[in-house]
Amino acid sequence: MAETMQSLDQLAALKPAAPEAPKYVQKLDGRGRAYATGKRKNAVARVWIKPGAGRVTVNEKPVEIFFARPVLRMLIQQPLVAANRQGQYDVVCTVSGGGL
């Protein structure tokens, strides 16, 4: 029995090293913006985010005009608040299709 335990310990010591995690390379366009697209049925949302003063525009309108309800504006800000980045990035969004 002791021989078996020794051989299992030896097998554990032979465990290969974990491979390194791939390094994430941030993809930015020529203007220094990150881009993402979201789709559902016929609705499409395109979002660009870049360092800035915290302005959010949707279809070239300020978020306060496009989303009149404070709850909707709060939902838009939640990812930035969760990452503790509120007021550090400008968000430009174009949406088409769907409804509000």
Foldseek 3Di string as FASTA:
>chain_A
DVVVVVVVVVVVVVDDDDDDDDDDDQDADPVAWHWDWDDDDHKIKIKIKHFDQQFEEEPNHGPCVVPVDPVVVCVVCVVCVVVVNHRGMYMYMYMDDDDD
